[in-house]
Amino acid sequence: MAEPDRVQPVVIPYPALIASDSSLPALVQQGFDSSPDSLGLVIVSELPPEFPQLRKRLLHLSNSFASLPAAAREKYAHPGSHYSYGWSHGKEIMNGTPDLLKGSFYNNPSHDLTPGLHDGDEPVANIWPDEPGVDGFEEAFKDLCALMVRIGVLVAAACDQLVDKTASAKSVEQLVKESHSSKARLLHYVRPRRLLSRA
């Protein structure tokens, strides 16, 4: 029995976003509409030349942070936000057990202080590590995220070509650009230790 055809993600080249290419409305609609052939996402290809170095720098620092002693890492956890700021490891529950195979570092990529969701809520500040061996972590995180947010704004501008202009006082581009509640998640996958067996 033949396998059904897999739905392929929509790929939008970065230069097409920059140029507001005429192909964008059809690609955006294909990526985000409600048809069975839509995955609800798009992939942006041909990223700017600075992307690989920004990514590499942050991933190296992520590994350095994850290699710190557990007590040092836990100083940057934030239980008050349900671990949605700073470091989080073993807090997610998968199939009834803590997920120990990955750690996450969360922050707002655009603002160091995020207003509370409800009136009277305290604002939450980004949390940055200050440990030997991870110098430049904040700068690396912000630099990579700034590029990702810029790309998100371009995708949002492409979405505006398909949105009913009377549905909101602001465009999708404005909503993304002005948002104070964006969240960036840096993932570090933990290499499981090999099980030792005795003969």
N, C-alpha and C. Protein backbone atom coordinates (compact mmCIF):
# COMPACT_ATOMS: atom_id res chain seq x y z
N MET A 1 0.84 -1.19 0.00
CA MET A 1 0.00 0.00 0.00
C MET A 1 0.89 1.25 0.00
N ALA A 2 0.63 2.12 -0.95
CA ALA A 2 1.46 3.33 -1.08
C ALA A 2 1.18 4.30 0.06
N GLU A 3 2.27 4.93 0.53
CA GLU A 3 2.10 5.95 1.56
C GLU A 3 1.46 7.19 0.95
N PRO A 4 0.60 7.87 1.73
CA PRO A 4 0.04 9.11 1.21
C PRO A 4 1.13 10.17 1.06
N ASP A 5 0.95 11.05 0.09
CA ASP A 5 1.92 12.12 -0.11
C ASP A 5 1.98 13.00 1.14
N ARG A 6 3.21 13.30 1.55
CA ARG A 6 3.38 14.16 2.71
C ARG A 6 3.26 15.62 2.29
N VAL A 7 2.63 16.41 3.14
CA VAL A 7 2.50 17.83 2.86
C VAL A 7 3.86 18.48 3.06
N GLN A 8 4.29 19.23 2.09
CA GLN A 8 5.59 19.89 2.16
C GLN A 8 5.43 21.32 2.68
N PRO A 9 6.35 21.77 3.51
CA PRO A 9 6.26 23.15 4.01
C PRO A 9 6.50 24.15 2.89
N VAL A 10 5.91 25.31 3.06
CA VAL A 10 6.10 26.39 2.11
C VAL A 10 7.43 27.09 2.42
N VAL A 11 8.23 27.32 1.40
CA VAL A 11 9.53 27.96 1.56
C VAL A 11 9.49 29.33 0.88
N ILE A 12 9.84 30.36 1.65
CA ILE A 12 9.88 31.72 1.12
C ILE A 12 11.32 32.22 1.20
N PRO A 13 11.94 32.58 0.08
CA PRO A 13 13.30 33.10 0.12
C PRO A 13 13.33 34.49 0.79
N TYR A 14 14.31 34.70 1.62
CA TYR A 14 14.47 35.99 2.30
C TYR A 14 14.52 37.16 1.30
N PRO A 15 15.26 37.04 0.18
CA PRO A 15 15.26 38.16 -0.78
C PRO A 15 13.86 38.51 -1.29
N ALA A 16 12.98 37.52 -1.40
CA ALA A 16 11.60 37.79 -1.84
C ALA A 16 10.86 38.61 -0.79
N LEU A 17 11.12 38.35 0.50
CA LEU A 17 10.51 39.14 1.56
C LEU A 17 10.99 40.58 1.50
N ILE A 18 12.29 40.76 1.33
CA ILE A 18 12.88 42.10 1.28
C ILE A 18 12.28 42.89 0.11
N ALA A 19 12.09 42.21 -1.02
CA ALA A 19 11.63 42.88 -2.23
C ALA A 19 10.11 42.98 -2.32
N SER A 20 9.38 42.45 -1.31
CA SER A 20 7.91 42.38 -1.39
C SER A 20 7.48 41.77 -2.71
N ASP A 21 8.08 40.65 -3.05
CA ASP A 21 7.86 39.98 -4.33
C ASP A 21 6.38 39.67 -4.55
N SER A 22 5.97 39.68 -5.80
CA SER A 22 4.57 39.43 -6.14
C SER A 22 4.14 38.00 -5.82
N SER A 23 5.09 37.10 -5.60
CA SER A 23 4.75 35.71 -5.28
C SER A 23 4.33 35.53 -3.82
N LEU A 24 4.57 36.54 -2.97
CA LEU A 24 4.36 36.37 -1.54
C LEU A 24 2.92 36.07 -1.13
N PRO A 25 1.91 36.78 -1.64
CA PRO A 25 0.55 36.48 -1.18
C PRO A 25 0.16 35.02 -1.36
N ALA A 26 0.48 34.44 -2.51
CA ALA A 26 0.12 33.04 -2.75
C ALA A 26 0.88 32.10 -1.81
N LEU A 27 2.16 32.39 -1.57
CA LEU A 27 2.97 31.55 -0.68
C LEU A 27 2.48 31.63 0.76
N VAL A 28 2.18 32.85 1.20
CA VAL A 28 1.69 33.04 2.57
C VAL A 28 0.35 32.33 2.75
N GLN A 29 -0.54 32.48 1.78
CA GLN A 29 -1.84 31.82 1.88
C GLN A 29 -1.68 30.30 1.92
N GLN A 30 -0.80 29.78 1.08
CA GLN A 30 -0.56 28.34 1.07
C GLN A 30 0.01 27.86 2.41
N GLY A 31 0.85 28.68 3.04
CA GLY A 31 1.46 28.29 4.31
C GLY A 31 0.53 28.37 5.50
N PHE A 32 -0.40 29.34 5.47
CA PHE A 32 -1.17 29.61 6.68
C PHE A 32 -2.68 29.40 6.56
N ASP A 33 -3.18 29.00 5.39
CA ASP A 33 -4.64 28.88 5.30
C ASP A 33 -5.13 27.61 6.01
N SER A 34 -6.41 27.36 5.93
CA SER A 34 -7.00 26.25 6.69
C SER A 34 -7.22 24.99 5.86
N SER A 35 -6.58 24.90 4.71
CA SER A 35 -6.76 23.72 3.86
C SER A 35 -5.94 22.55 4.42
N PRO A 36 -6.28 21.32 4.03
CA PRO A 36 -5.51 20.15 4.50
C PRO A 36 -4.05 20.17 4.04
N ASP A 37 -3.74 20.96 3.01
CA ASP A 37 -2.37 21.03 2.50
C ASP A 37 -1.54 22.10 3.19
N SER A 38 -2.09 22.73 4.21
CA SER A 38 -1.37 23.79 4.92
C SER A 38 -0.85 23.26 6.25
N LEU A 39 0.43 23.55 6.55
CA LEU A 39 1.02 23.15 7.83
C LEU A 39 0.93 24.26 8.88
N GLY A 40 0.46 25.44 8.47
CA GLY A 40 0.37 26.55 9.42
C GLY A 40 1.71 27.19 9.72
N LEU A 41 2.66 27.05 8.79
CA LEU A 41 3.98 27.65 8.97
C LEU A 41 4.62 27.87 7.62
N VAL A 42 5.63 28.71 7.61
CA VAL A 42 6.47 28.89 6.42
C VAL A 42 7.93 28.80 6.86
N ILE A 43 8.78 28.39 5.95
CA ILE A 43 10.22 28.35 6.18
C ILE A 43 10.84 29.47 5.36
N VAL A 44 11.70 30.26 5.99
CA VAL A 44 12.39 31.33 5.28
C VAL A 44 13.79 30.82 4.93
N SER A 45 14.09 30.81 3.64
CA SER A 45 15.39 30.32 3.15
C SER A 45 16.27 31.49 2.74
N GLU A 46 17.51 31.17 2.35
CA GLU A 46 18.46 32.16 1.85
C GLU A 46 18.62 33.33 2.83
N LEU A 47 18.85 32.96 4.09
CA LEU A 47 18.96 33.98 5.15
C LEU A 47 20.17 34.87 4.94
N PRO A 48 20.18 36.05 5.59
CA PRO A 48 21.30 36.96 5.43
C PRO A 48 22.63 36.30 5.81
N PRO A 49 23.74 36.77 5.25
CA PRO A 49 25.03 36.10 5.46
C PRO A 49 25.50 36.11 6.91
N GLU A 50 24.99 37.02 7.73
CA GLU A 50 25.42 37.05 9.13
C GLU A 50 24.76 35.98 9.99
N PHE A 51 23.69 35.33 9.48
CA PHE A 51 22.95 34.37 10.29
C PHE A 51 23.81 33.20 10.79
N PRO A 52 24.59 32.52 9.94
CA PRO A 52 25.33 31.35 10.45
C PRO A 52 26.26 31.69 11.61
N GLN A 53 26.94 32.83 11.54
CA GLN A 53 27.87 33.18 12.61
C GLN A 53 27.13 33.56 13.89
N LEU A 54 26.02 34.28 13.76
CA LEU A 54 25.21 34.62 14.94
C LEU A 54 24.70 33.36 15.62
N ARG A 55 24.23 32.42 14.82
CA ARG A 55 23.71 31.16 15.35
C ARG A 55 24.81 30.36 16.03
N LYS A 56 25.95 30.24 15.35
CA LYS A 56 27.06 29.46 15.90
C LYS A 56 27.53 30.04 17.24
N ARG A 57 27.66 31.36 17.30
CA ARG A 57 28.13 32.01 18.53
C ARG A 57 27.19 31.70 19.70
N LEU A 58 25.89 31.82 19.47
CA LEU A 58 24.94 31.60 20.56
C LEU A 58 24.89 30.12 20.95
N LEU A 59 24.95 29.22 19.98
CA LEU A 59 24.90 27.79 20.31
C LEU A 59 26.13 27.36 21.12
N HIS A 60 27.29 27.93 20.81
CA HIS A 60 28.49 27.62 21.61
C HIS A 60 28.30 28.11 23.06
N LEU A 61 27.76 29.30 23.21
CA LEU A 61 27.53 29.83 24.56
C LEU A 61 26.44 29.05 25.28
N SER A 62 25.45 28.58 24.53
CA SER A 62 24.41 27.74 25.12
C SER A 62 25.01 26.47 25.70
N ASN A 63 25.92 25.86 24.96
CA ASN A 63 26.58 24.65 25.43
C ASN A 63 27.44 24.95 26.68
N SER A 64 28.11 26.11 26.67
CA SER A 64 28.93 26.48 27.83
C SER A 64 28.05 26.69 29.06
N PHE A 65 26.89 27.33 28.86
CA PHE A 65 25.99 27.53 29.99
C PHE A 65 25.46 26.19 30.51
N ALA A 66 25.06 25.31 29.59
CA ALA A 66 24.50 24.02 30.00
C ALA A 66 25.55 23.14 30.68
N SER A 67 26.83 23.45 30.46
CA SER A 67 27.90 22.67 31.08
C SER A 67 28.26 23.18 32.48
N LEU A 68 27.66 24.29 32.90
CA LEU A 68 27.91 24.79 34.25
C LEU A 68 27.33 23.82 35.28
N PRO A 69 27.82 23.86 36.52
CA PRO A 69 27.19 23.03 37.56
C PRO A 69 25.71 23.38 37.70
N ALA A 70 24.92 22.39 38.07
CA ALA A 70 23.47 22.57 38.18
C ALA A 70 23.12 23.74 39.09
N ALA A 71 23.83 23.91 40.20
CA ALA A 71 23.53 24.99 41.14
C ALA A 71 23.72 26.35 40.48
N ALA A 72 24.73 26.47 39.62
CA ALA A 72 24.97 27.74 38.92
C ALA A 72 23.86 28.01 37.92
N ARG A 73 23.44 26.97 37.18
CA ARG A 73 22.37 27.15 36.20
C ARG A 73 21.06 27.54 36.88
N GLU A 74 20.75 26.88 38.00
CA GLU A 74 19.47 27.11 38.66
C GLU A 74 19.33 28.52 39.22
N LYS A 75 20.44 29.24 39.37
CA LYS A 75 20.35 30.65 39.80
C LYS A 75 19.58 31.49 38.80
N TYR A 76 19.49 31.00 37.56
CA TYR A 76 18.85 31.76 36.49
C TYR A 76 17.48 31.21 36.13
N ALA A 77 16.94 30.35 36.97
CA ALA A 77 15.56 29.87 36.81
C ALA A 77 14.61 30.88 37.43
N HIS A 78 13.38 30.92 36.94
CA HIS A 78 12.40 31.91 37.44
C HIS A 78 11.06 31.22 37.71
N PRO A 79 10.92 30.62 38.89
CA PRO A 79 9.67 29.93 39.21
C PRO A 79 8.45 30.84 39.13
N GLY A 80 8.62 32.13 39.43
CA GLY A 80 7.49 33.06 39.44
C GLY A 80 6.81 33.22 38.10
N SER A 81 7.53 32.96 37.02
CA SER A 81 6.93 33.02 35.68
C SER A 81 6.62 31.62 35.16
N HIS A 82 6.58 30.65 36.06
CA HIS A 82 6.41 29.24 35.68
C HIS A 82 7.52 28.81 34.74
N TYR A 83 8.70 29.31 35.00
CA TYR A 83 9.92 28.98 34.26
C TYR A 83 9.85 29.39 32.79
N SER A 84 9.09 30.46 32.50
CA SER A 84 9.04 30.94 31.12
C SER A 84 9.99 32.12 30.89
N TYR A 85 10.84 32.39 31.88
CA TYR A 85 11.96 33.32 31.73
C TYR A 85 13.19 32.65 32.31
N GLY A 86 14.34 32.92 31.70
CA GLY A 86 15.57 32.33 32.20
C GLY A 86 15.64 30.85 31.92
N TRP A 87 16.36 30.13 32.78
CA TRP A 87 16.67 28.72 32.59
C TRP A 87 15.54 27.81 33.07
N SER A 88 15.31 26.76 32.32
CA SER A 88 14.33 25.76 32.70
C SER A 88 14.84 24.39 32.30
N HIS A 89 14.95 23.49 33.27
CA HIS A 89 15.37 22.12 32.97
C HIS A 89 14.63 21.17 33.90
N GLY A 90 13.97 20.19 33.31
CA GLY A 90 13.23 19.21 34.10
C GLY A 90 11.91 19.71 34.63
N LYS A 91 11.45 20.86 34.15
CA LYS A 91 10.17 21.42 34.63
C LYS A 91 9.00 20.99 33.75
N GLU A 92 9.28 20.66 32.49
CA GLU A 92 8.23 20.17 31.59
C GLU A 92 7.97 18.70 31.88
N ILE A 93 6.71 18.34 31.89
CA ILE A 93 6.33 16.96 32.15
C ILE A 93 5.94 16.28 30.84
N MET A 94 6.61 15.18 30.53
CA MET A 94 6.31 14.41 29.32
C MET A 94 5.89 13.01 29.74
N ASN A 95 4.66 12.64 29.40
CA ASN A 95 4.13 11.31 29.75
C ASN A 95 4.27 11.02 31.25
N GLY A 96 4.02 12.05 32.04
CA GLY A 96 4.00 11.87 33.48
C GLY A 96 5.34 11.98 34.18
N THR A 97 6.43 12.19 33.41
CA THR A 97 7.74 12.31 34.04
C THR A 97 8.44 13.58 33.55
N PRO A 98 9.31 14.16 34.40
CA PRO A 98 10.03 15.37 33.98
C PRO A 98 10.90 15.10 32.74
N ASP A 99 10.89 16.04 31.81
CA ASP A 99 11.70 15.92 30.60
C ASP A 99 13.11 16.42 30.93
N LEU A 100 14.04 15.50 31.06
CA LEU A 100 15.42 15.85 31.41
C LEU A 100 16.35 15.85 30.20
N LEU A 101 15.78 15.64 29.02
CA LEU A 101 16.62 15.54 27.82
C LEU A 101 16.85 16.87 27.14
N LYS A 102 16.23 17.92 27.63
CA LYS A 102 16.52 19.23 27.06
C LYS A 102 16.38 20.30 28.14
N GLY A 103 17.15 21.36 27.96
CA GLY A 103 17.02 22.54 28.80
C GLY A 103 16.67 23.71 27.91
N SER A 104 16.00 24.71 28.47
CA SER A 104 15.58 25.87 27.69
C SER A 104 16.01 27.14 28.40
N PHE A 105 16.33 28.14 27.60
CA PHE A 105 16.59 29.47 28.14
C PHE A 105 15.64 30.42 27.42
N TYR A 106 14.73 31.03 28.19
CA TYR A 106 13.68 31.89 27.62
C TYR A 106 13.96 33.36 27.93
N ASN A 107 13.64 34.22 27.00
CA ASN A 107 13.66 35.66 27.24
C ASN A 107 12.81 36.36 26.19
N ASN A 108 12.46 37.60 26.46
CA ASN A 108 11.79 38.43 25.48
C ASN A 108 12.87 38.96 24.52
N PRO A 109 12.75 38.68 23.22
CA PRO A 109 13.82 39.06 22.31
C PRO A 109 13.87 40.55 21.97
N SER A 110 12.82 41.29 22.30
CA SER A 110 12.74 42.69 21.89
C SER A 110 12.79 43.68 23.05
N HIS A 111 12.41 43.24 24.24
CA HIS A 111 12.34 44.15 25.39
C HIS A 111 12.88 43.46 26.63
N ASP A 112 13.70 44.18 27.39
CA ASP A 112 14.25 43.59 28.61
C ASP A 112 13.25 43.54 29.75
N LEU A 113 12.16 44.31 29.62
CA LEU A 113 11.13 44.31 30.66
C LEU A 113 9.78 44.08 29.98
N THR A 114 9.07 43.04 30.40
CA THR A 114 7.78 42.69 29.81
C THR A 114 6.67 43.04 30.77
N PRO A 115 5.69 43.84 30.32
CA PRO A 115 4.57 44.15 31.23
C PRO A 115 3.81 42.89 31.62
N GLY A 116 3.15 42.92 32.78
CA GLY A 116 2.33 41.80 33.20
C GLY A 116 1.15 41.61 32.26
N LEU A 117 0.64 40.40 32.20
CA LEU A 117 -0.49 40.11 31.32
C LEU A 117 -1.77 40.78 31.79
N HIS A 118 -1.92 40.96 33.10
CA HIS A 118 -3.15 41.50 33.67
C HIS A 118 -2.85 42.75 34.48
N ASP A 119 -3.86 43.60 34.65
CA ASP A 119 -3.69 44.80 35.47
C ASP A 119 -3.22 44.39 36.86
N GLY A 120 -2.22 45.10 37.35
CA GLY A 120 -1.71 44.80 38.68
C GLY A 120 -0.58 43.79 38.70
N ASP A 121 -0.37 43.08 37.57
CA ASP A 121 0.75 42.13 37.50
C ASP A 121 2.07 42.89 37.48
N GLU A 122 3.04 42.33 38.15
CA GLU A 122 4.38 42.91 38.12
C GLU A 122 5.02 42.64 36.75
N PRO A 123 5.74 43.61 36.19
CA PRO A 123 6.48 43.32 34.96
C PRO A 123 7.58 42.30 35.23
N VAL A 124 7.98 41.58 34.21
CA VAL A 124 9.02 40.56 34.34
C VAL A 124 10.23 41.00 33.54
N ALA A 125 11.40 40.93 34.15
CA ALA A 125 12.64 41.32 33.48
C ALA A 125 13.34 40.09 32.90
N ASN A 126 13.98 40.29 31.77
CA ASN A 126 14.82 39.23 31.22
C ASN A 126 15.90 38.85 32.22
N ILE A 127 16.33 37.62 32.14
CA ILE A 127 17.34 37.08 33.04
C ILE A 127 18.54 36.68 32.19
N TRP A 128 19.71 37.19 32.57
CA TRP A 128 20.92 36.88 31.79
C TRP A 128 21.99 36.29 32.69
N PRO A 129 22.68 35.25 32.24
CA PRO A 129 23.71 34.64 33.07
C PRO A 129 24.93 35.53 33.24
N ASP A 130 25.50 35.48 34.42
CA ASP A 130 26.71 36.24 34.74
C ASP A 130 27.68 35.26 35.40
N GLU A 131 28.22 34.38 34.58
CA GLU A 131 29.11 33.32 35.07
C GLU A 131 30.36 33.28 34.19
N PRO A 132 31.51 32.94 34.78
CA PRO A 132 32.71 32.76 33.95
C PRO A 132 32.46 31.71 32.87
N GLY A 133 32.92 32.01 31.67
CA GLY A 133 32.77 31.05 30.58
C GLY A 133 31.59 31.29 29.68
N VAL A 134 30.67 32.18 30.11
CA VAL A 134 29.52 32.48 29.24
C VAL A 134 29.44 33.98 28.95
N ASP A 135 30.59 34.63 28.96
CA ASP A 135 30.63 36.06 28.65
C ASP A 135 30.08 36.30 27.25
N GLY A 136 29.23 37.30 27.13
CA GLY A 136 28.66 37.64 25.83
C GLY A 136 27.36 36.93 25.52
N PHE A 137 26.84 36.14 26.49
CA PHE A 137 25.61 35.38 26.26
C PHE A 137 24.45 36.33 25.92
N GLU A 138 24.27 37.38 26.70
CA GLU A 138 23.16 38.32 26.47
C GLU A 138 23.26 38.94 25.09
N GLU A 139 24.44 39.43 24.74
CA GLU A 139 24.63 40.08 23.44
C GLU A 139 24.37 39.10 22.30
N ALA A 140 24.89 37.88 22.44
CA ALA A 140 24.70 36.88 21.38
C ALA A 140 23.22 36.52 21.22
N PHE A 141 22.52 36.36 22.34
CA PHE A 141 21.09 36.04 22.32
C PHE A 141 20.32 37.16 21.62
N LYS A 142 20.61 38.40 22.02
CA LYS A 142 19.89 39.55 21.46
C LYS A 142 20.19 39.75 19.99
N ASP A 143 21.45 39.56 19.60
CA ASP A 143 21.82 39.79 18.20
C ASP A 143 21.12 38.80 17.27
N LEU A 144 21.11 37.52 17.65
CA LEU A 144 20.44 36.53 16.82
C LEU A 144 18.94 36.78 16.80
N CYS A 145 18.37 37.07 17.97
CA CYS A 145 16.92 37.29 18.03
C CYS A 145 16.49 38.54 17.28
N ALA A 146 17.34 39.57 17.27
CA ALA A 146 17.00 40.79 16.53
C ALA A 146 16.81 40.46 15.05
N LEU A 147 17.68 39.62 14.52
CA LEU A 147 17.54 39.21 13.12
C LEU A 147 16.26 38.40 12.92
N MET A 148 15.98 37.49 13.84
CA MET A 148 14.79 36.66 13.71
C MET A 148 13.51 37.50 13.80
N VAL A 149 13.51 38.50 14.68
CA VAL A 149 12.34 39.37 14.79
C VAL A 149 12.17 40.19 13.51
N ARG A 150 13.28 40.67 12.95
CA ARG A 150 13.19 41.44 11.68
C ARG A 150 12.57 40.57 10.59
N ILE A 151 12.96 39.31 10.54
CA ILE A 151 12.39 38.41 9.53
C ILE A 151 10.91 38.17 9.82
N GLY A 152 10.56 38.04 11.10
CA GLY A 152 9.15 37.88 11.48
C GLY A 152 8.31 39.07 11.05
N VAL A 153 8.87 40.26 11.18
CA VAL A 153 8.16 41.48 10.76
C VAL A 153 7.93 41.46 9.25
N LEU A 154 8.92 40.98 8.49
CA LEU A 154 8.76 40.89 7.04
C LEU A 154 7.68 39.87 6.65
N VAL A 155 7.65 38.74 7.36
CA VAL A 155 6.60 37.75 7.10
C VAL A 155 5.23 38.34 7.45
N ALA A 156 5.17 39.08 8.55
CA ALA A 156 3.91 39.72 8.95
C ALA A 156 3.45 40.72 7.89
N ALA A 157 4.39 41.48 7.33
CA ALA A 157 4.04 42.43 6.27
C ALA A 157 3.48 41.70 5.06
N ALA A 158 4.03 40.52 4.75
CA ALA A 158 3.50 39.73 3.64
C ALA A 158 2.09 39.23 3.97
N CYS A 159 1.84 38.90 5.23
CA CYS A 159 0.50 38.45 5.64
C CYS A 159 -0.53 39.57 5.48
N ASP A 160 -0.08 40.82 5.66
CA ASP A 160 -1.01 41.94 5.57
C ASP A 160 -1.69 42.02 4.21
N GLN A 161 -1.05 41.48 3.19
CA GLN A 161 -1.65 41.53 1.85
C GLN A 161 -2.90 40.66 1.76
N LEU A 162 -3.10 39.77 2.75
CA LEU A 162 -4.25 38.87 2.72
C LEU A 162 -5.26 39.14 3.82
N VAL A 163 -4.97 40.11 4.70
CA VAL A 163 -5.80 40.35 5.87
C VAL A 163 -6.81 41.45 5.59
N ASP A 164 -8.03 41.25 6.10
CA ASP A 164 -9.07 42.26 6.00
C ASP A 164 -8.64 43.50 6.78
N LYS A 165 -8.47 44.61 6.10
CA LYS A 165 -7.94 45.82 6.74
C LYS A 165 -8.87 46.39 7.79
N THR A 166 -10.15 46.00 7.76
CA THR A 166 -11.09 46.53 8.76
C THR A 166 -11.14 45.66 10.01
N ALA A 167 -10.42 44.53 10.01
CA ALA A 167 -10.50 43.60 11.14
C ALA A 167 -9.76 44.10 12.37
N SER A 168 -8.78 44.97 12.17
CA SER A 168 -7.98 45.46 13.29
C SER A 168 -7.51 46.88 12.99
N ALA A 169 -7.35 47.66 14.06
CA ALA A 169 -6.85 49.02 13.88
C ALA A 169 -5.39 49.02 13.45
N LYS A 170 -4.69 47.92 13.72
CA LYS A 170 -3.28 47.82 13.37
C LYS A 170 -3.05 46.70 12.37
N SER A 171 -2.03 46.86 11.57
CA SER A 171 -1.66 45.81 10.62
C SER A 171 -0.97 44.67 11.37
N VAL A 172 -0.88 43.52 10.71
CA VAL A 172 -0.15 42.39 11.30
C VAL A 172 1.30 42.79 11.52
N GLU A 173 1.86 43.51 10.57
CA GLU A 173 3.24 43.98 10.70
C GLU A 173 3.41 44.85 11.95
N GLN A 174 2.49 45.78 12.18
CA GLN A 174 2.56 46.62 13.37
C GLN A 174 2.44 45.79 14.65
N LEU A 175 1.52 44.84 14.64
CA LEU A 175 1.31 44.02 15.84
C LEU A 175 2.58 43.25 16.22
N VAL A 176 3.26 42.71 15.20
CA VAL A 176 4.50 41.98 15.48
C VAL A 176 5.61 42.94 15.89
N LYS A 177 5.73 44.03 15.16
CA LYS A 177 6.81 45.00 15.41
C LYS A 177 6.68 45.64 16.79
N GLU A 178 5.45 45.91 17.23
CA GLU A 178 5.23 46.63 18.48
C GLU A 178 4.96 45.73 19.68
N SER A 179 4.94 44.43 19.46
CA SER A 179 4.61 43.51 20.55
C SER A 179 5.61 43.60 21.69
N HIS A 180 5.08 43.57 22.91
CA HIS A 180 5.93 43.53 24.10
C HIS A 180 5.93 42.14 24.72
N SER A 181 5.27 41.20 24.08
CA SER A 181 5.12 39.87 24.70
C SER A 181 5.73 38.75 23.87
N SER A 182 6.66 39.08 22.96
CA SER A 182 7.33 38.03 22.20
C SER A 182 8.19 37.20 23.14
N LYS A 183 8.43 35.97 22.76
CA LYS A 183 9.26 35.08 23.59
C LYS A 183 10.21 34.29 22.69
N ALA A 184 11.47 34.29 23.06
CA ALA A 184 12.47 33.49 22.36
C ALA A 184 12.87 32.34 23.27
N ARG A 185 13.04 31.17 22.68
CA ARG A 185 13.42 29.97 23.44
C ARG A 185 14.67 29.36 22.82
N LEU A 186 15.72 29.32 23.60
CA LEU A 186 16.97 28.70 23.19
C LEU A 186 16.99 27.29 23.79
N LEU A 187 17.05 26.29 22.94
CA LEU A 187 17.01 24.89 23.40
C LEU A 187 18.41 24.29 23.44
N HIS A 188 18.66 23.53 24.50
CA HIS A 188 19.90 22.75 24.59
C HIS A 188 19.50 21.30 24.85
N TYR A 189 19.85 20.41 23.93
CA TYR A 189 19.52 19.01 24.10
C TYR A 189 20.63 18.31 24.87
N VAL A 190 20.23 17.58 25.90
CA VAL A 190 21.17 16.90 26.78
C VAL A 190 21.47 15.52 26.21
N ARG A 191 22.74 15.20 26.11
CA ARG A 191 23.14 13.89 25.61
C ARG A 191 22.91 12.86 26.71
N PRO A 192 22.03 11.88 26.48
CA PRO A 192 21.77 10.90 27.54
C PRO A 192 23.02 10.07 27.84
N ARG A 193 23.24 9.81 29.10
CA ARG A 193 24.38 8.98 29.49
C ARG A 193 24.13 7.54 29.08
N ARG A 194 25.19 6.88 28.64
CA ARG A 194 25.07 5.49 28.25
C ARG A 194 24.84 4.63 29.50
N LEU A 195 23.97 3.67 29.35
CA LEU A 195 23.73 2.76 30.45
C LEU A 195 24.89 1.76 30.56
N LEU A 196 25.39 1.61 31.75
CA LEU A 196 26.48 0.67 31.96
C LEU A 196 25.91 -0.69 32.35
N SER A 197 26.45 -1.72 31.79
CA SER A 197 25.98 -3.05 32.14
C SER A 197 27.17 -3.89 32.62
N ARG A 198 26.88 -4.81 33.50
CA ARG A 198 27.92 -5.71 34.00
C ARG A 198 27.73 -7.09 33.38
N ALA A 199 28.86 -7.70 33.07
CA ALA A 199 28.80 -9.06 32.50
C ALA A 199 28.42 -10.05 33.59
